[in-house]
Amino acid sequence: MKSLNPDGVAQHKDGIVLGLDPGTDKCGVAVVSRQQGPLYQEVVTLAALPEVVRRIAEEFAIDEVAMGDSTGAEQTREQLVQAGINMPVTTVSEELTSRLARQRYWKDNPPRGLARLIPLGLRVPPRPVDDYAAVIIAERLLEQSG
């Protein structure tokens, strides 16, 4: 999913969270609005993350960053600080996000033809779903903040 804001004008502050699902070599990135749901999703390399976050911060009025608490979280936090990106960061549990991300991917991209017959638990998405995990992480922060 790319931006739903094609004119590049920053959104109004209405509970917009930048979700990050850091890993060892890539990071899921998502912008989620309390009112509109997911606005942007992408999987990027860790090297590209600071530039992607800068671009997102220009396009959306991010209130807070929700970062997964597992693999690569501290390295990603340091990378953002070193890049001069100063936004409040809240660490959020990544428990079950990989499984939930796969389920959400298949809901958004249902299999066609004979692939429909394969049970959900045996299906493997054709691409990384870290961006879907980032959506779930952002949604968890929004749920915690009421």
N, C-alpha and C. Protein backbone atom coordinates (compact mmCIF):
# COMPACT_ATOMS: atom_id res chain seq x y z
N MET A 1 0.86 -1.17 0.00
CA MET A 1 0.00 0.00 0.00
C MET A 1 0.90 1.23 0.00
N LYS A 2 0.65 2.12 -0.87
CA LYS A 2 1.37 3.39 -0.88
C LYS A 2 0.49 4.45 -0.25
N SER A 3 0.97 5.67 -0.24
CA SER A 3 0.28 6.76 0.43
C SER A 3 -1.11 6.98 -0.16
N LEU A 4 -2.06 7.25 0.72
CA LEU A 4 -3.40 7.64 0.28
C LEU A 4 -3.52 9.16 0.23
N ASN A 5 -2.39 9.82 0.31
CA ASN A 5 -2.33 11.27 0.34
C ASN A 5 -1.47 11.73 -0.85
N PRO A 6 -1.98 11.59 -2.09
CA PRO A 6 -1.15 11.81 -3.27
C PRO A 6 -0.66 13.24 -3.45
N ASP A 7 -1.30 14.23 -2.85
CA ASP A 7 -0.85 15.60 -3.04
C ASP A 7 0.30 15.97 -2.12
N GLY A 8 0.69 15.07 -1.21
CA GLY A 8 1.84 15.32 -0.36
C GLY A 8 1.59 16.29 0.78
N VAL A 9 0.35 16.70 0.99
CA VAL A 9 0.03 17.64 2.06
C VAL A 9 -0.07 16.85 3.37
N ALA A 10 0.55 17.35 4.42
CA ALA A 10 0.54 16.66 5.71
C ALA A 10 -0.88 16.51 6.22
N GLN A 11 -1.15 15.35 6.82
CA GLN A 11 -2.45 15.08 7.41
C GLN A 11 -2.60 15.90 8.69
N HIS A 12 -3.84 16.11 9.14
CA HIS A 12 -4.08 16.77 10.42
C HIS A 12 -3.77 15.79 11.53
N LYS A 13 -3.34 16.29 12.66
CA LYS A 13 -3.03 15.42 13.79
C LYS A 13 -4.32 14.85 14.35
N ASP A 14 -4.51 13.55 14.13
CA ASP A 14 -5.70 12.90 14.66
C ASP A 14 -5.34 11.52 15.18
N GLY A 15 -4.20 11.42 15.83
CA GLY A 15 -3.76 10.12 16.29
C GLY A 15 -3.10 9.35 15.17
N ILE A 16 -2.06 9.91 14.58
CA ILE A 16 -1.34 9.24 13.50
C ILE A 16 -0.03 8.69 14.07
N VAL A 17 0.13 7.38 13.92
CA VAL A 17 1.28 6.68 14.48
C VAL A 17 2.12 6.08 13.36
N LEU A 18 3.42 6.23 13.49
CA LEU A 18 4.37 5.56 12.60
C LEU A 18 4.75 4.25 13.27
N GLY A 19 4.40 3.14 12.65
CA GLY A 19 4.74 1.82 13.18
C GLY A 19 6.00 1.31 12.52
N LEU A 20 6.91 0.76 13.34
CA LEU A 20 8.15 0.19 12.84
C LEU A 20 8.29 -1.23 13.36
N ASP A 21 8.55 -2.16 12.46
CA ASP A 21 8.84 -3.53 12.82
C ASP A 21 10.28 -3.81 12.42
N PRO A 22 11.24 -3.50 13.32
CA PRO A 22 12.64 -3.64 12.96
C PRO A 22 13.08 -5.09 12.91
N GLY A 23 14.03 -5.35 12.05
CA GLY A 23 14.62 -6.68 11.93
C GLY A 23 16.13 -6.54 11.83
N THR A 24 16.80 -7.58 11.37
CA THR A 24 18.25 -7.54 11.27
C THR A 24 18.72 -6.86 9.98
N ASP A 25 17.93 -6.95 8.90
CA ASP A 25 18.35 -6.32 7.65
C ASP A 25 17.27 -5.52 6.96
N LYS A 26 16.02 -5.65 7.43
CA LYS A 26 14.92 -4.87 6.85
C LYS A 26 13.99 -4.42 7.96
N CYS A 27 13.11 -3.49 7.60
CA CYS A 27 12.20 -2.93 8.59
C CYS A 27 10.84 -2.71 7.95
N GLY A 28 9.80 -3.16 8.63
CA GLY A 28 8.44 -2.85 8.19
C GLY A 28 8.08 -1.46 8.67
N VAL A 29 7.47 -0.67 7.79
CA VAL A 29 7.10 0.71 8.10
C VAL A 29 5.63 0.88 7.75
N ALA A 30 4.89 1.53 8.65
CA ALA A 30 3.47 1.79 8.38
C ALA A 30 3.05 3.07 9.07
N VAL A 31 2.17 3.80 8.43
CA VAL A 31 1.54 4.97 9.03
C VAL A 31 0.08 4.60 9.23
N VAL A 32 -0.38 4.71 10.48
CA VAL A 32 -1.74 4.31 10.82
C VAL A 32 -2.44 5.46 11.52
N SER A 33 -3.62 5.80 11.04
CA SER A 33 -4.45 6.84 11.63
C SER A 33 -5.53 6.20 12.49
N ARG A 34 -5.77 6.79 13.64
CA ARG A 34 -6.84 6.29 14.51
C ARG A 34 -8.18 6.30 13.77
N GLN A 35 -8.42 7.33 12.95
CA GLN A 35 -9.70 7.47 12.27
C GLN A 35 -9.78 6.75 10.94
N GLN A 36 -8.67 6.71 10.19
CA GLN A 36 -8.70 6.18 8.83
C GLN A 36 -8.04 4.82 8.66
N GLY A 37 -7.35 4.33 9.67
CA GLY A 37 -6.65 3.06 9.55
C GLY A 37 -5.32 3.23 8.85
N PRO A 38 -4.81 2.17 8.21
CA PRO A 38 -3.51 2.25 7.53
C PRO A 38 -3.53 3.24 6.37
N LEU A 39 -2.53 4.13 6.37
CA LEU A 39 -2.40 5.12 5.31
C LEU A 39 -1.22 4.83 4.39
N TYR A 40 -0.23 4.09 4.92
CA TYR A 40 1.01 3.85 4.17
C TYR A 40 1.66 2.59 4.72
N GLN A 41 2.19 1.76 3.82
CA GLN A 41 2.92 0.56 4.22
C GLN A 41 4.07 0.33 3.26
N GLU A 42 5.21 -0.13 3.83
CA GLU A 42 6.37 -0.41 3.00
C GLU A 42 7.35 -1.25 3.81
N VAL A 43 8.12 -2.08 3.12
CA VAL A 43 9.24 -2.80 3.72
C VAL A 43 10.50 -2.20 3.13
N VAL A 44 11.41 -1.74 4.00
CA VAL A 44 12.62 -1.06 3.54
C VAL A 44 13.85 -1.70 4.18
N THR A 45 15.00 -1.46 3.58
CA THR A 45 16.25 -1.90 4.20
C THR A 45 16.54 -0.99 5.39
N LEU A 46 17.31 -1.49 6.34
CA LEU A 46 17.67 -0.66 7.49
C LEU A 46 18.47 0.57 7.06
N ALA A 47 19.28 0.42 6.04
CA ALA A 47 20.07 1.55 5.55
C ALA A 47 19.18 2.67 5.02
N ALA A 48 18.05 2.32 4.42
CA ALA A 48 17.15 3.32 3.84
C ALA A 48 16.17 3.89 4.86
N LEU A 49 16.08 3.29 6.04
CA LEU A 49 15.06 3.68 7.02
C LEU A 49 15.08 5.16 7.40
N PRO A 50 16.22 5.77 7.73
CA PRO A 50 16.18 7.20 8.12
C PRO A 50 15.58 8.09 7.03
N GLU A 51 15.95 7.86 5.78
CA GLU A 51 15.42 8.68 4.69
C GLU A 51 13.92 8.45 4.52
N VAL A 52 13.48 7.21 4.64
CA VAL A 52 12.05 6.91 4.52
C VAL A 52 11.27 7.59 5.64
N VAL A 53 11.80 7.54 6.87
CA VAL A 53 11.13 8.17 8.01
C VAL A 53 11.06 9.69 7.81
N ARG A 54 12.13 10.29 7.31
CA ARG A 54 12.10 11.74 7.03
C ARG A 54 11.01 12.08 6.02
N ARG A 55 10.94 11.30 4.95
CA ARG A 55 9.93 11.53 3.91
C ARG A 55 8.52 11.38 4.48
N ILE A 56 8.31 10.36 5.28
CA ILE A 56 7.00 10.13 5.89
C ILE A 56 6.64 11.28 6.83
N ALA A 57 7.63 11.75 7.61
CA ALA A 57 7.37 12.84 8.56
C ALA A 57 7.00 14.13 7.83
N GLU A 58 7.50 14.32 6.61
CA GLU A 58 7.13 15.49 5.82
C GLU A 58 5.70 15.37 5.28
N GLU A 59 5.29 14.16 4.98
CA GLU A 59 3.98 13.94 4.36
C GLU A 59 2.85 13.81 5.39
N PHE A 60 3.15 13.23 6.55
CA PHE A 60 2.13 12.98 7.56
C PHE A 60 2.51 13.67 8.86
N ALA A 61 1.52 14.11 9.60
CA ALA A 61 1.75 14.73 10.92
C ALA A 61 1.80 13.62 11.96
N ILE A 62 2.96 13.00 12.10
CA ILE A 62 3.14 11.87 13.00
C ILE A 62 3.10 12.35 14.45
N ASP A 63 2.25 11.73 15.25
CA ASP A 63 2.18 12.05 16.67
C ASP A 63 3.18 11.27 17.49
N GLU A 64 3.43 10.02 17.09
CA GLU A 64 4.29 9.15 17.88
C GLU A 64 4.78 8.00 17.02
N VAL A 65 5.88 7.40 17.45
CA VAL A 65 6.42 6.23 16.77
C VAL A 65 6.20 5.02 17.68
N ALA A 66 5.65 3.95 17.11
CA ALA A 66 5.49 2.68 17.82
C ALA A 66 6.50 1.71 17.22
N MET A 67 7.42 1.23 18.06
CA MET A 67 8.45 0.33 17.56
C MET A 67 8.34 -1.02 18.25
N GLY A 68 8.43 -2.08 17.47
CA GLY A 68 8.41 -3.42 18.03
C GLY A 68 9.59 -3.62 18.97
N ASP A 69 9.41 -4.46 19.97
CA ASP A 69 10.39 -4.61 21.03
C ASP A 69 11.38 -5.76 20.84
N SER A 70 11.37 -6.41 19.69
CA SER A 70 12.24 -7.59 19.52
C SER A 70 13.48 -7.27 18.70
N THR A 71 13.79 -8.13 17.78
CA THR A 71 15.02 -8.07 16.99
C THR A 71 15.28 -6.69 16.38
N GLY A 72 16.44 -6.14 16.65
CA GLY A 72 16.86 -4.90 16.02
C GLY A 72 16.27 -3.62 16.58
N ALA A 73 15.49 -3.69 17.65
CA ALA A 73 14.82 -2.49 18.16
C ALA A 73 15.82 -1.43 18.63
N GLU A 74 16.80 -1.83 19.41
CA GLU A 74 17.77 -0.85 19.93
C GLU A 74 18.62 -0.27 18.82
N GLN A 75 19.04 -1.11 17.87
CA GLN A 75 19.84 -0.62 16.74
C GLN A 75 19.03 0.36 15.90
N THR A 76 17.77 0.07 15.69
CA THR A 76 16.92 0.96 14.90
C THR A 76 16.71 2.28 15.61
N ARG A 77 16.50 2.24 16.92
CA ARG A 77 16.33 3.47 17.71
C ARG A 77 17.60 4.32 17.60
N GLU A 78 18.76 3.70 17.74
CA GLU A 78 20.03 4.42 17.61
C GLU A 78 20.20 5.02 16.22
N GLN A 79 19.82 4.27 15.20
CA GLN A 79 19.93 4.75 13.82
C GLN A 79 19.08 6.00 13.61
N LEU A 80 17.88 6.02 14.17
CA LEU A 80 17.01 7.18 14.03
C LEU A 80 17.58 8.39 14.76
N VAL A 81 18.12 8.15 15.96
CA VAL A 81 18.72 9.25 16.74
C VAL A 81 19.92 9.82 16.00
N GLN A 82 20.79 8.95 15.50
CA GLN A 82 21.98 9.41 14.77
C GLN A 82 21.61 10.17 13.50
N ALA A 83 20.47 9.85 12.91
CA ALA A 83 20.01 10.54 11.71
C ALA A 83 19.31 11.86 12.04
N GLY A 84 19.20 12.18 13.34
CA GLY A 84 18.58 13.44 13.75
C GLY A 84 17.07 13.43 13.73
N ILE A 85 16.48 12.25 13.77
CA ILE A 85 15.02 12.15 13.76
C ILE A 85 14.55 12.11 15.21
N ASN A 86 13.89 13.18 15.63
CA ASN A 86 13.44 13.31 17.01
C ASN A 86 11.93 13.25 17.08
N MET A 87 11.42 12.05 17.35
CA MET A 87 9.99 11.84 17.57
C MET A 87 9.87 10.95 18.79
N PRO A 88 8.80 11.11 19.56
CA PRO A 88 8.63 10.21 20.70
C PRO A 88 8.47 8.77 20.22
N VAL A 89 9.24 7.85 20.82
CA VAL A 89 9.20 6.44 20.45
C VAL A 89 8.71 5.62 21.63
N THR A 90 7.69 4.80 21.40
CA THR A 90 7.17 3.89 22.41
C THR A 90 7.40 2.47 21.93
N THR A 91 7.98 1.67 22.79
CA THR A 91 8.21 0.27 22.46
C THR A 91 6.93 -0.52 22.72
N VAL A 92 6.57 -1.37 21.76
CA VAL A 92 5.33 -2.13 21.81
C VAL A 92 5.66 -3.62 21.62
N SER A 93 4.94 -4.46 22.31
CA SER A 93 5.15 -5.91 22.19
C SER A 93 4.92 -6.39 20.76
N GLU A 94 5.82 -7.24 20.30
CA GLU A 94 5.68 -7.85 18.98
C GLU A 94 5.07 -9.24 19.05
N GLU A 95 4.55 -9.61 20.19
CA GLU A 95 4.01 -10.96 20.36
C GLU A 95 2.94 -11.26 19.31
N LEU A 96 3.15 -12.33 18.57
CA LEU A 96 2.24 -12.86 17.54
C LEU A 96 2.10 -11.96 16.30
N THR A 97 2.89 -10.90 16.19
CA THR A 97 2.71 -10.01 15.04
C THR A 97 3.01 -10.68 13.71
N SER A 98 3.99 -11.59 13.68
CA SER A 98 4.31 -12.26 12.41
C SER A 98 3.13 -13.10 11.93
N ARG A 99 2.53 -13.84 12.82
CA ARG A 99 1.38 -14.67 12.45
C ARG A 99 0.19 -13.81 12.04
N LEU A 100 -0.08 -12.76 12.82
CA LEU A 100 -1.19 -11.87 12.51
C LEU A 100 -0.94 -11.12 11.20
N ALA A 101 0.33 -10.78 10.93
CA ALA A 101 0.66 -10.08 9.68
C ALA A 101 0.39 -10.98 8.48
N ARG A 102 0.75 -12.25 8.57
CA ARG A 102 0.46 -13.19 7.47
C ARG A 102 -1.05 -13.31 7.25
N GLN A 103 -1.79 -13.41 8.34
CA GLN A 103 -3.26 -13.52 8.21
C GLN A 103 -3.84 -12.28 7.54
N ARG A 104 -3.35 -11.10 7.95
CA ARG A 104 -3.87 -9.86 7.37
C ARG A 104 -3.47 -9.74 5.90
N TYR A 105 -2.25 -10.18 5.56
CA TYR A 105 -1.82 -10.16 4.17
C TYR A 105 -2.79 -10.98 3.31
N TRP A 106 -3.12 -12.19 3.77
CA TRP A 106 -4.00 -13.05 2.98
C TRP A 106 -5.42 -12.50 2.93
N LYS A 107 -5.84 -11.78 3.96
CA LYS A 107 -7.16 -11.15 3.93
C LYS A 107 -7.19 -10.06 2.85
N ASP A 108 -6.10 -9.27 2.76
CA ASP A 108 -6.02 -8.20 1.76
C ASP A 108 -5.71 -8.72 0.37
N ASN A 109 -5.07 -9.88 0.27
CA ASN A 109 -4.65 -10.45 -1.00
C ASN A 109 -5.07 -11.92 -1.07
N PRO A 110 -6.36 -12.18 -1.17
CA PRO A 110 -6.81 -13.57 -1.13
C PRO A 110 -6.25 -14.38 -2.31
N PRO A 111 -5.90 -15.64 -2.01
CA PRO A 111 -5.37 -16.48 -3.10
C PRO A 111 -6.45 -16.78 -4.12
N ARG A 112 -6.00 -17.03 -5.32
CA ARG A 112 -6.93 -17.31 -6.41
C ARG A 112 -6.68 -18.73 -6.93
N GLY A 113 -7.63 -19.24 -7.64
CA GLY A 113 -7.47 -20.55 -8.27
C GLY A 113 -7.29 -21.66 -7.25
N LEU A 114 -6.44 -22.62 -7.58
CA LEU A 114 -6.22 -23.77 -6.70
C LEU A 114 -5.56 -23.38 -5.38
N ALA A 115 -4.85 -22.27 -5.35
CA ALA A 115 -4.20 -21.82 -4.11
C ALA A 115 -5.21 -21.57 -3.00
N ARG A 116 -6.47 -21.33 -3.36
CA ARG A 116 -7.52 -21.12 -2.35
C ARG A 116 -7.71 -22.36 -1.48
N LEU A 117 -7.36 -23.53 -2.02
CA LEU A 117 -7.59 -24.77 -1.31
C LEU A 117 -6.54 -25.06 -0.24
N ILE A 118 -5.43 -24.34 -0.27
CA ILE A 118 -4.37 -24.55 0.72
C ILE A 118 -4.81 -23.91 2.04
N PRO A 119 -4.76 -24.66 3.14
CA PRO A 119 -5.16 -24.08 4.43
C PRO A 119 -4.32 -22.85 4.78
N LEU A 120 -4.94 -21.88 5.43
CA LEU A 120 -4.28 -20.62 5.77
C LEU A 120 -2.96 -20.83 6.49
N GLY A 121 -2.90 -21.76 7.40
CA GLY A 121 -1.68 -22.01 8.17
C GLY A 121 -0.53 -22.53 7.34
N LEU A 122 -0.79 -23.05 6.15
CA LEU A 122 0.26 -23.59 5.28
C LEU A 122 0.67 -22.62 4.18
N ARG A 123 -0.04 -21.54 4.03
CA ARG A 123 0.28 -20.57 2.98
C ARG A 123 1.48 -19.72 3.38
N VAL A 124 2.34 -19.44 2.42
CA VAL A 124 3.48 -18.55 2.64
C VAL A 124 3.32 -17.37 1.69
N PRO A 125 3.25 -16.14 2.23
CA PRO A 125 3.12 -14.98 1.35
C PRO A 125 4.31 -14.88 0.39
N PRO A 126 4.08 -14.34 -0.81
CA PRO A 126 5.15 -14.25 -1.81
C PRO A 126 6.14 -13.11 -1.56
N ARG A 127 5.96 -12.37 -0.47
CA ARG A 127 6.84 -11.26 -0.15
C ARG A 127 6.89 -11.09 1.36
N PRO A 128 7.88 -10.35 1.87
CA PRO A 128 7.91 -10.10 3.32
C PRO A 128 6.66 -9.33 3.76
N VAL A 129 6.19 -9.64 4.95
CA VAL A 129 4.97 -8.98 5.46
C VAL A 129 5.30 -8.10 6.68
N ASP A 130 6.53 -7.63 6.76
CA ASP A 130 6.95 -6.78 7.89
C ASP A 130 6.12 -5.50 7.95
N ASP A 131 5.66 -5.00 6.80
CA ASP A 131 4.83 -3.80 6.81
C ASP A 131 3.49 -4.06 7.49
N TYR A 132 2.94 -5.25 7.31
CA TYR A 132 1.70 -5.59 8.00
C TYR A 132 1.94 -5.71 9.51
N ALA A 133 3.11 -6.25 9.89
CA ALA A 133 3.46 -6.31 11.32
C ALA A 133 3.58 -4.89 11.89
N ALA A 134 4.12 -3.97 11.10
CA ALA A 134 4.24 -2.58 11.55
C ALA A 134 2.86 -1.95 11.75
N VAL A 135 1.89 -2.30 10.91
CA VAL A 135 0.51 -1.82 11.09
C VAL A 135 -0.03 -2.31 12.42
N ILE A 136 0.17 -3.58 12.70
CA ILE A 136 -0.33 -4.17 13.95
C ILE A 136 0.33 -3.51 15.16
N ILE A 137 1.63 -3.25 15.07
CA ILE A 137 2.34 -2.58 16.17
C ILE A 137 1.77 -1.18 16.40
N ALA A 138 1.53 -0.43 15.32
CA ALA A 138 0.95 0.91 15.45
C ALA A 138 -0.46 0.84 16.03
N GLU A 139 -1.25 -0.12 15.58
CA GLU A 139 -2.61 -0.27 16.11
C GLU A 139 -2.60 -0.60 17.60
N ARG A 140 -1.63 -1.39 18.03
CA ARG A 140 -1.53 -1.70 19.45
C ARG A 140 -1.27 -0.45 20.28
N LEU A 141 -0.41 0.43 19.78
CA LEU A 141 -0.15 1.68 20.49
C LEU A 141 -1.41 2.54 20.54
N LEU A 142 -2.12 2.62 19.41
CA LEU A 142 -3.36 3.39 19.38
C LEU A 142 -4.39 2.83 20.35
N GLU A 143 -4.45 1.50 20.46
CA GLU A 143 -5.40 0.88 21.41
C GLU A 143 -5.01 1.20 22.84
N GLN A 144 -3.70 1.18 23.14
CA GLN A 144 -3.23 1.48 24.49
C GLN A 144 -3.53 2.91 24.89
N SER A 145 -3.45 3.81 23.92
CA SER A 145 -3.64 5.23 24.24
C SER A 145 -5.11 5.63 24.21
N GLY A 146 -5.98 4.66 23.98
CA GLY A 146 -7.42 4.94 24.04
C GLY A 146 -7.90 5.55 22.80
